[in-house]
Amino acid sequence: MQKRKKVWTKKRSPAVTIIAWGIVLLFAIRLYEFFEPLIRNQVFRNGINGPLLEPGAFMPTPLGAALFFSAVYLLLSVAGLVVLIGFLRMKRWSWVVLMAWTGASLMITLINYFYSHPNYLVMASNTIIAFALNQADVQRLFKIRTDQSEPIR
């Protein structure tokens, strides 16, 4: 019997697994945030049956705001899946995008914490992801950090 050939050439850190689960959790939250305003405004039951903008003004109606925010959350969900696939394939760009995304998301959730309704689950997920992304072994896996004895590529 032949020995099984290893498919994965790079060893993943446990922090990479934690980050991947954090991305999956954020995907589920964004998907919920996509459906919730549409269900609340009964778009699935009645369809789009009213104006999206107030007449004579460039202000959205409640239905228009719900559709806009749902579209934004759907876009964030799809982008999260793309980043997750790149992250699991250990692409350097995914680490950079995820770090920028996590920083921006933390900033938005902190603003919401002080001025609006905070989302503690998103805040906690982003904090865990930020700490895990900054671990030295994760940065080495994604070629963000090199040791002094290692040549620069």
N, C-alpha and C. Protein backbone atom coordinates (compact mmCIF):
# COMPACT_ATOMS: atom_id res chain seq x y z
N MET A 1 0.84 -1.17 0.00
CA MET A 1 0.00 0.00 0.00
C MET A 1 0.89 1.24 0.00
N GLN A 2 0.55 2.18 -0.86
CA GLN A 2 1.33 3.41 -0.97
C GLN A 2 0.98 4.36 0.16
N LYS A 3 2.00 5.13 0.56
CA LYS A 3 1.76 6.18 1.55
C LYS A 3 0.97 7.31 0.91
N ARG A 4 0.11 7.88 1.68
CA ARG A 4 -0.70 8.98 1.19
C ARG A 4 0.16 10.22 1.02
N LYS A 5 -0.01 10.88 -0.11
CA LYS A 5 0.74 12.09 -0.40
C LYS A 5 0.12 13.28 0.33
N LYS A 6 0.96 14.10 0.92
CA LYS A 6 0.48 15.28 1.63
C LYS A 6 0.00 16.32 0.63
N VAL A 7 -1.20 16.79 0.86
CA VAL A 7 -1.76 17.81 -0.01
C VAL A 7 -1.31 19.19 0.44
N TRP A 8 -1.31 19.42 1.76
CA TRP A 8 -0.94 20.73 2.29
C TRP A 8 0.57 20.76 2.51
N THR A 9 1.22 21.72 1.86
CA THR A 9 2.66 21.84 2.01
C THR A 9 3.02 22.78 3.15
N LYS A 10 2.14 23.72 3.47
CA LYS A 10 2.42 24.67 4.54
C LYS A 10 1.61 24.29 5.77
N LYS A 11 2.24 24.32 6.91
CA LYS A 11 1.55 24.01 8.16
C LYS A 11 0.83 25.26 8.63
N ARG A 12 -0.44 25.10 8.97
CA ARG A 12 -1.22 26.23 9.45
C ARG A 12 -1.10 26.35 10.96
N SER A 13 -1.06 27.56 11.40
CA SER A 13 -1.05 27.86 12.83
C SER A 13 -2.48 27.74 13.37
N PRO A 14 -2.64 27.42 14.65
CA PRO A 14 -3.99 27.44 15.23
C PRO A 14 -4.65 28.82 15.13
N ALA A 15 -3.84 29.86 15.12
CA ALA A 15 -4.39 31.22 14.98
C ALA A 15 -5.06 31.40 13.63
N VAL A 16 -4.55 30.74 12.58
CA VAL A 16 -5.16 30.84 11.25
C VAL A 16 -6.56 30.22 11.29
N THR A 17 -6.70 29.11 12.01
CA THR A 17 -8.01 28.48 12.14
C THR A 17 -8.98 29.37 12.91
N ILE A 18 -8.48 30.02 13.96
CA ILE A 18 -9.32 30.94 14.74
C ILE A 18 -9.77 32.11 13.87
N ILE A 19 -8.85 32.63 13.07
CA ILE A 19 -9.19 33.74 12.18
C ILE A 19 -10.23 33.30 11.16
N ALA A 20 -10.06 32.11 10.60
CA ALA A 20 -11.02 31.61 9.60
C ALA A 20 -12.41 31.46 10.22
N TRP A 21 -12.49 30.94 11.44
CA TRP A 21 -13.80 30.83 12.10
C TRP A 21 -14.37 32.21 12.40
N GLY A 22 -13.51 33.17 12.73
CA GLY A 22 -13.98 34.55 12.93
C GLY A 22 -14.58 35.13 11.66
N ILE A 23 -13.95 34.85 10.53
CA ILE A 23 -14.47 35.34 9.25
C ILE A 23 -15.82 34.68 8.94
N VAL A 24 -15.93 33.39 9.23
CA VAL A 24 -17.21 32.69 9.01
C VAL A 24 -18.30 33.29 9.90
N LEU A 25 -17.96 33.59 11.15
CA LEU A 25 -18.93 34.21 12.06
C LEU A 25 -19.36 35.58 11.53
N LEU A 26 -18.40 36.38 11.08
CA LEU A 26 -18.74 37.70 10.53
C LEU A 26 -19.58 37.56 9.26
N PHE A 27 -19.31 36.52 8.45
CA PHE A 27 -20.13 36.27 7.26
C PHE A 27 -21.57 36.00 7.66
N ALA A 28 -21.76 35.17 8.69
CA ALA A 28 -23.12 34.85 9.14
C ALA A 28 -23.83 36.10 9.68
N ILE A 29 -23.10 36.94 10.40
CA ILE A 29 -23.70 38.17 10.93
C ILE A 29 -24.10 39.10 9.79
N ARG A 30 -23.22 39.26 8.81
CA ARG A 30 -23.53 40.13 7.67
C ARG A 30 -24.71 39.59 6.86
N LEU A 31 -24.79 38.27 6.74
CA LEU A 31 -25.92 37.68 6.03
C LEU A 31 -27.23 37.95 6.78
N TYR A 32 -27.19 37.86 8.11
CA TYR A 32 -28.37 38.20 8.91
C TYR A 32 -28.73 39.67 8.71
N GLU A 33 -27.70 40.55 8.71
CA GLU A 33 -27.96 41.98 8.53
C GLU A 33 -28.46 42.30 7.13
N PHE A 34 -28.23 41.39 6.18
CA PHE A 34 -28.78 41.55 4.83
C PHE A 34 -30.28 41.25 4.84
N PHE A 35 -30.67 40.15 5.48
CA PHE A 35 -32.07 39.73 5.44
C PHE A 35 -32.98 40.49 6.40
N GLU A 36 -32.47 40.91 7.55
CA GLU A 36 -33.32 41.49 8.60
C GLU A 36 -34.10 42.73 8.14
N PRO A 37 -33.47 43.74 7.49
CA PRO A 37 -34.27 44.90 7.08
C PRO A 37 -35.29 44.56 5.99
N LEU A 38 -34.96 43.59 5.15
CA LEU A 38 -35.90 43.22 4.10
C LEU A 38 -37.12 42.51 4.68
N ILE A 39 -36.90 41.68 5.69
CA ILE A 39 -38.02 41.00 6.35
C ILE A 39 -38.84 42.00 7.14
N ARG A 40 -38.16 42.92 7.83
CA ARG A 40 -38.85 43.94 8.64
C ARG A 40 -39.75 44.81 7.77
N ASN A 41 -39.31 45.15 6.56
CA ASN A 41 -40.11 45.97 5.65
C ASN A 41 -40.99 45.14 4.73
N GLN A 42 -41.06 43.85 4.96
CA GLN A 42 -41.90 42.91 4.22
C GLN A 42 -41.66 42.96 2.71
N VAL A 43 -40.40 43.06 2.33
CA VAL A 43 -40.06 43.10 0.91
C VAL A 43 -40.31 41.75 0.26
N PHE A 44 -40.06 40.66 0.98
CA PHE A 44 -40.26 39.33 0.41
C PHE A 44 -41.75 39.00 0.26
N ARG A 45 -42.58 39.59 1.10
CA ARG A 45 -44.02 39.33 1.04
C ARG A 45 -44.70 40.25 0.03
N ASN A 46 -44.40 41.55 0.08
CA ASN A 46 -45.12 42.54 -0.74
C ASN A 46 -44.32 43.03 -1.94
N GLY A 47 -43.03 42.76 -1.97
CA GLY A 47 -42.19 43.30 -3.04
C GLY A 47 -41.84 44.75 -2.76
N ILE A 48 -41.22 45.40 -3.73
CA ILE A 48 -40.90 46.82 -3.61
C ILE A 48 -42.11 47.58 -4.12
N ASN A 49 -42.92 48.07 -3.19
CA ASN A 49 -44.20 48.66 -3.57
C ASN A 49 -44.31 50.13 -3.23
N GLY A 50 -43.19 50.80 -3.07
CA GLY A 50 -43.24 52.22 -2.75
C GLY A 50 -42.01 52.93 -3.29
N PRO A 51 -41.99 54.24 -3.14
CA PRO A 51 -40.83 54.99 -3.62
C PRO A 51 -39.61 54.73 -2.73
N LEU A 52 -38.45 54.82 -3.33
CA LEU A 52 -37.20 54.62 -2.60
C LEU A 52 -36.63 55.94 -2.09
N LEU A 53 -37.01 57.04 -2.74
CA LEU A 53 -36.57 58.37 -2.33
C LEU A 53 -37.79 59.23 -2.03
N GLU A 54 -37.63 60.13 -1.07
CA GLU A 54 -38.70 61.08 -0.75
C GLU A 54 -38.91 62.00 -1.95
N PRO A 55 -40.17 62.29 -2.28
CA PRO A 55 -40.42 63.20 -3.42
C PRO A 55 -39.87 64.60 -3.15
N GLY A 56 -39.13 65.13 -4.09
CA GLY A 56 -38.59 66.47 -3.98
C GLY A 56 -37.34 66.59 -3.14
N ALA A 57 -36.86 65.52 -2.60
CA ALA A 57 -35.65 65.56 -1.77
C ALA A 57 -34.80 64.32 -2.07
N PHE A 58 -33.56 64.43 -1.78
CA PHE A 58 -32.66 63.30 -2.01
C PHE A 58 -32.47 62.51 -0.71
N MET A 59 -33.56 62.28 0.00
CA MET A 59 -33.55 61.50 1.24
C MET A 59 -34.26 60.18 0.99
N PRO A 60 -33.66 59.09 1.43
CA PRO A 60 -34.31 57.79 1.20
C PRO A 60 -35.50 57.58 2.13
N THR A 61 -36.47 56.86 1.62
CA THR A 61 -37.58 56.44 2.46
C THR A 61 -37.09 55.26 3.32
N PRO A 62 -37.86 54.84 4.31
CA PRO A 62 -37.44 53.67 5.09
C PRO A 62 -37.19 52.44 4.22
N LEU A 63 -38.02 52.26 3.19
CA LEU A 63 -37.82 51.14 2.27
C LEU A 63 -36.53 51.32 1.48
N GLY A 64 -36.26 52.54 1.02
CA GLY A 64 -35.03 52.81 0.28
C GLY A 64 -33.79 52.60 1.12
N ALA A 65 -33.84 53.03 2.39
CA ALA A 65 -32.71 52.83 3.29
C ALA A 65 -32.50 51.35 3.57
N ALA A 66 -33.59 50.60 3.74
CA ALA A 66 -33.48 49.16 3.99
C ALA A 66 -32.84 48.45 2.80
N LEU A 67 -33.25 48.80 1.60
CA LEU A 67 -32.67 48.19 0.40
C LEU A 67 -31.19 48.55 0.24
N PHE A 68 -30.86 49.81 0.52
CA PHE A 68 -29.46 50.24 0.41
C PHE A 68 -28.58 49.48 1.39
N PHE A 69 -28.99 49.44 2.67
CA PHE A 69 -28.17 48.76 3.67
C PHE A 69 -28.10 47.25 3.44
N SER A 70 -29.18 46.68 2.94
CA SER A 70 -29.15 45.26 2.61
C SER A 70 -28.17 44.98 1.47
N ALA A 71 -28.15 45.85 0.48
CA ALA A 71 -27.20 45.67 -0.62
C ALA A 71 -25.76 45.80 -0.13
N VAL A 72 -25.51 46.75 0.77
CA VAL A 72 -24.16 46.91 1.33
C VAL A 72 -23.74 45.67 2.11
N TYR A 73 -24.65 45.14 2.94
CA TYR A 73 -24.31 43.95 3.73
C TYR A 73 -24.14 42.72 2.85
N LEU A 74 -24.89 42.63 1.75
CA LEU A 74 -24.69 41.52 0.82
C LEU A 74 -23.31 41.62 0.17
N LEU A 75 -22.92 42.82 -0.22
CA LEU A 75 -21.59 43.04 -0.79
C LEU A 75 -20.49 42.69 0.21
N LEU A 76 -20.67 43.08 1.47
CA LEU A 76 -19.70 42.74 2.51
C LEU A 76 -19.62 41.22 2.73
N SER A 77 -20.75 40.54 2.65
CA SER A 77 -20.76 39.09 2.82
C SER A 77 -19.98 38.40 1.71
N VAL A 78 -20.22 38.82 0.48
CA VAL A 78 -19.51 38.22 -0.66
C VAL A 78 -18.02 38.53 -0.58
N ALA A 79 -17.67 39.76 -0.23
CA ALA A 79 -16.26 40.12 -0.08
C ALA A 79 -15.61 39.31 1.03
N GLY A 80 -16.35 39.06 2.11
CA GLY A 80 -15.83 38.23 3.20
C GLY A 80 -15.53 36.82 2.75
N LEU A 81 -16.38 36.27 1.89
CA LEU A 81 -16.12 34.92 1.36
C LEU A 81 -14.87 34.90 0.48
N VAL A 82 -14.69 35.93 -0.32
CA VAL A 82 -13.50 36.00 -1.17
C VAL A 82 -12.24 36.08 -0.32
N VAL A 83 -12.28 36.91 0.72
CA VAL A 83 -11.12 37.03 1.62
C VAL A 83 -10.89 35.71 2.36
N LEU A 84 -11.95 35.04 2.76
CA LEU A 84 -11.81 33.75 3.44
C LEU A 84 -11.14 32.72 2.55
N ILE A 85 -11.55 32.65 1.30
CA ILE A 85 -10.93 31.69 0.37
C ILE A 85 -9.46 32.02 0.18
N GLY A 86 -9.13 33.29 -0.01
CA GLY A 86 -7.73 33.69 -0.13
C GLY A 86 -6.94 33.42 1.13
N PHE A 87 -7.59 33.62 2.28
CA PHE A 87 -6.91 33.39 3.56
C PHE A 87 -6.62 31.92 3.76
N LEU A 88 -7.58 31.06 3.43
CA LEU A 88 -7.36 29.62 3.59
C LEU A 88 -6.33 29.09 2.58
N ARG A 89 -6.19 29.77 1.46
CA ARG A 89 -5.16 29.40 0.49
C ARG A 89 -3.83 30.07 0.80
N MET A 90 -3.79 30.82 1.93
CA MET A 90 -2.59 31.44 2.47
C MET A 90 -1.98 32.47 1.50
N LYS A 91 -2.82 33.27 0.90
CA LYS A 91 -2.37 34.34 0.00
C LYS A 91 -2.03 35.58 0.82
N ARG A 92 -0.94 36.23 0.46
CA ARG A 92 -0.48 37.41 1.20
C ARG A 92 -1.49 38.55 1.14
N TRP A 93 -2.11 38.74 -0.02
CA TRP A 93 -3.06 39.83 -0.17
C TRP A 93 -4.23 39.69 0.79
N SER A 94 -4.60 38.45 1.11
CA SER A 94 -5.75 38.26 2.00
C SER A 94 -5.42 38.72 3.42
N TRP A 95 -4.15 38.56 3.85
CA TRP A 95 -3.76 39.03 5.17
C TRP A 95 -3.85 40.56 5.21
N VAL A 96 -3.36 41.21 4.16
CA VAL A 96 -3.37 42.67 4.09
C VAL A 96 -4.80 43.20 4.06
N VAL A 97 -5.64 42.60 3.21
CA VAL A 97 -7.04 43.04 3.11
C VAL A 97 -7.77 42.80 4.42
N LEU A 98 -7.53 41.64 5.04
CA LEU A 98 -8.21 41.34 6.29
C LEU A 98 -7.77 42.27 7.42
N MET A 99 -6.51 42.63 7.45
CA MET A 99 -6.04 43.56 8.48
C MET A 99 -6.66 44.95 8.28
N ALA A 100 -6.71 45.42 7.04
CA ALA A 100 -7.33 46.72 6.76
C ALA A 100 -8.83 46.68 7.06
N TRP A 101 -9.48 45.60 6.68
CA TRP A 101 -10.91 45.43 6.90
C TRP A 101 -11.21 45.38 8.40
N THR A 102 -10.39 44.65 9.14
CA THR A 102 -10.59 44.53 10.58
C THR A 102 -10.41 45.88 11.26
N GLY A 103 -9.40 46.64 10.85
CA GLY A 103 -9.19 47.97 11.42
C GLY A 103 -10.36 48.90 11.14
N ALA A 104 -10.84 48.89 9.90
CA ALA A 104 -11.97 49.75 9.55
C ALA A 104 -13.24 49.32 10.29
N SER A 105 -13.44 48.02 10.38
CA SER A 105 -14.62 47.51 11.08
C SER A 105 -14.57 47.81 12.58
N LEU A 106 -13.38 47.71 13.16
CA LEU A 106 -13.24 48.08 14.57
C LEU A 106 -13.53 49.56 14.79
N MET A 107 -13.07 50.40 13.87
CA MET A 107 -13.32 51.82 13.99
C MET A 107 -14.83 52.10 13.91
N ILE A 108 -15.51 51.46 12.98
CA ILE A 108 -16.96 51.67 12.82
C ILE A 108 -17.72 51.17 14.05
N THR A 109 -17.32 50.00 14.57
CA THR A 109 -18.03 49.47 15.75
C THR A 109 -17.75 50.32 16.99
N LEU A 110 -16.56 50.91 17.08
CA LEU A 110 -16.30 51.81 18.20
C LEU A 110 -17.12 53.10 18.10
N ILE A 111 -17.26 53.62 16.90
CA ILE A 111 -18.12 54.80 16.71
C ILE A 111 -19.56 54.45 17.07
N ASN A 112 -20.02 53.27 16.63
CA ASN A 112 -21.37 52.83 16.99
C ASN A 112 -21.51 52.63 18.49
N TYR A 113 -20.45 52.20 19.14
CA TYR A 113 -20.49 51.99 20.58
C TYR A 113 -20.76 53.30 21.32
N PHE A 114 -20.14 54.37 20.86
CA PHE A 114 -20.28 55.65 21.55
C PHE A 114 -21.52 56.44 21.12
N TYR A 115 -21.98 56.26 19.88
CA TYR A 115 -23.06 57.11 19.38
C TYR A 115 -24.35 56.39 19.03
N SER A 116 -24.34 55.08 19.01
CA SER A 116 -25.49 54.36 18.49
C SER A 116 -25.64 53.04 19.24
N HIS A 117 -26.17 52.08 18.55
CA HIS A 117 -26.35 50.74 19.11
C HIS A 117 -25.15 49.88 18.75
N PRO A 118 -24.32 49.50 19.71
CA PRO A 118 -23.13 48.71 19.40
C PRO A 118 -23.46 47.26 19.11
N ASN A 119 -22.65 46.66 18.26
CA ASN A 119 -22.77 45.24 17.96
C ASN A 119 -21.58 44.56 18.63
N TYR A 120 -21.81 44.03 19.81
CA TYR A 120 -20.71 43.48 20.61
C TYR A 120 -20.09 42.23 19.98
N LEU A 121 -20.89 41.45 19.28
CA LEU A 121 -20.37 40.23 18.66
C LEU A 121 -19.38 40.57 17.54
N VAL A 122 -19.70 41.56 16.73
CA VAL A 122 -18.78 42.00 15.67
C VAL A 122 -17.52 42.60 16.28
N MET A 123 -17.70 43.39 17.34
CA MET A 123 -16.55 44.01 18.01
C MET A 123 -15.62 42.95 18.59
N ALA A 124 -16.17 41.95 19.25
CA ALA A 124 -15.35 40.88 19.83
C ALA A 124 -14.67 40.06 18.75
N SER A 125 -15.38 39.74 17.68
CA SER A 125 -14.79 38.96 16.58
C SER A 125 -13.64 39.71 15.94
N ASN A 126 -13.84 41.00 15.69
CA ASN A 126 -12.78 41.79 15.07
C ASN A 126 -11.56 41.93 15.99
N THR A 127 -11.79 42.04 17.28
CA THR A 127 -10.67 42.13 18.22
C THR A 127 -9.86 40.84 18.23
N ILE A 128 -10.54 39.71 18.26
CA ILE A 128 -9.85 38.42 18.24
C ILE A 128 -9.09 38.24 16.93
N ILE A 129 -9.71 38.61 15.82
CA ILE A 129 -9.03 38.51 14.52
C ILE A 129 -7.81 39.41 14.48
N ALA A 130 -7.92 40.64 14.99
CA ALA A 130 -6.78 41.56 14.98
C ALA A 130 -5.62 41.02 15.80
N PHE A 131 -5.91 40.48 16.98
CA PHE A 131 -4.84 39.91 17.81
C PHE A 131 -4.22 38.69 17.13
N ALA A 132 -5.04 37.85 16.52
CA ALA A 132 -4.51 36.65 15.88
C ALA A 132 -3.70 37.00 14.63
N LEU A 133 -4.12 38.01 13.88
CA LEU A 133 -3.37 38.41 12.68
C LEU A 133 -1.99 38.96 13.03
N ASN A 134 -1.85 39.53 14.21
CA ASN A 134 -0.58 40.15 14.59
C ASN A 134 0.38 39.19 15.28
N GLN A 135 0.04 37.92 15.38
CA GLN A 135 0.99 36.97 15.94
C GLN A 135 2.12 36.73 14.95
N ALA A 136 3.30 36.55 15.49
CA ALA A 136 4.49 36.42 14.64
C ALA A 136 4.42 35.23 13.71
N ASP A 137 3.92 34.08 14.19
CA ASP A 137 3.88 32.90 13.32
C ASP A 137 2.88 33.07 12.17
N VAL A 138 1.79 33.79 12.42
CA VAL A 138 0.83 34.06 11.34
C VAL A 138 1.45 35.01 10.33
N GLN A 139 2.16 36.02 10.81
CA GLN A 139 2.80 36.96 9.89
C GLN A 139 3.89 36.27 9.07
N ARG A 140 4.59 35.33 9.67
CA ARG A 140 5.61 34.58 8.90
C ARG A 140 4.96 33.68 7.86
N LEU A 141 3.85 33.06 8.19
CA LEU A 141 3.16 32.20 7.23
C LEU A 141 2.73 32.97 5.99
N PHE A 142 2.31 34.20 6.19
CA PHE A 142 1.84 35.02 5.08
C PHE A 142 2.93 35.93 4.52
N LYS A 143 4.16 35.73 4.97
CA LYS A 143 5.34 36.48 4.50
C LYS A 143 5.20 37.98 4.74
N ILE A 144 4.59 38.33 5.86
CA ILE A 144 4.49 39.73 6.26
C ILE A 144 5.71 40.11 7.08
N ARG A 145 6.17 39.18 7.91
CA ARG A 145 7.31 39.40 8.78
C ARG A 145 8.38 38.37 8.44
N THR A 146 9.63 38.82 8.50
CA THR A 146 10.75 37.90 8.33
C THR A 146 11.66 38.01 9.54
N ASP A 147 12.34 36.93 9.85
CA ASP A 147 13.32 36.97 10.92
C ASP A 147 14.56 37.68 10.42
N GLN A 148 15.42 38.13 11.34
CA GLN A 148 16.63 38.83 10.94
C GLN A 148 17.58 37.92 10.18
N SER A 149 17.57 36.64 10.49
CA SER A 149 18.47 35.72 9.80
C SER A 149 17.92 35.28 8.44
N GLU A 150 16.66 35.60 8.17
CA GLU A 150 16.03 35.20 6.93
C GLU A 150 16.27 36.26 5.86
N PRO A 151 16.59 35.87 4.62
CA PRO A 151 16.78 36.89 3.58
C PRO A 151 15.45 37.52 3.17
N ILE A 152 15.50 38.78 2.81
CA ILE A 152 14.30 39.50 2.37
C ILE A 152 14.00 39.10 0.95
N ARG A 153 12.73 38.82 0.66
CA ARG A 153 12.32 38.38 -0.69
C ARG A 153 11.63 39.46 -1.42
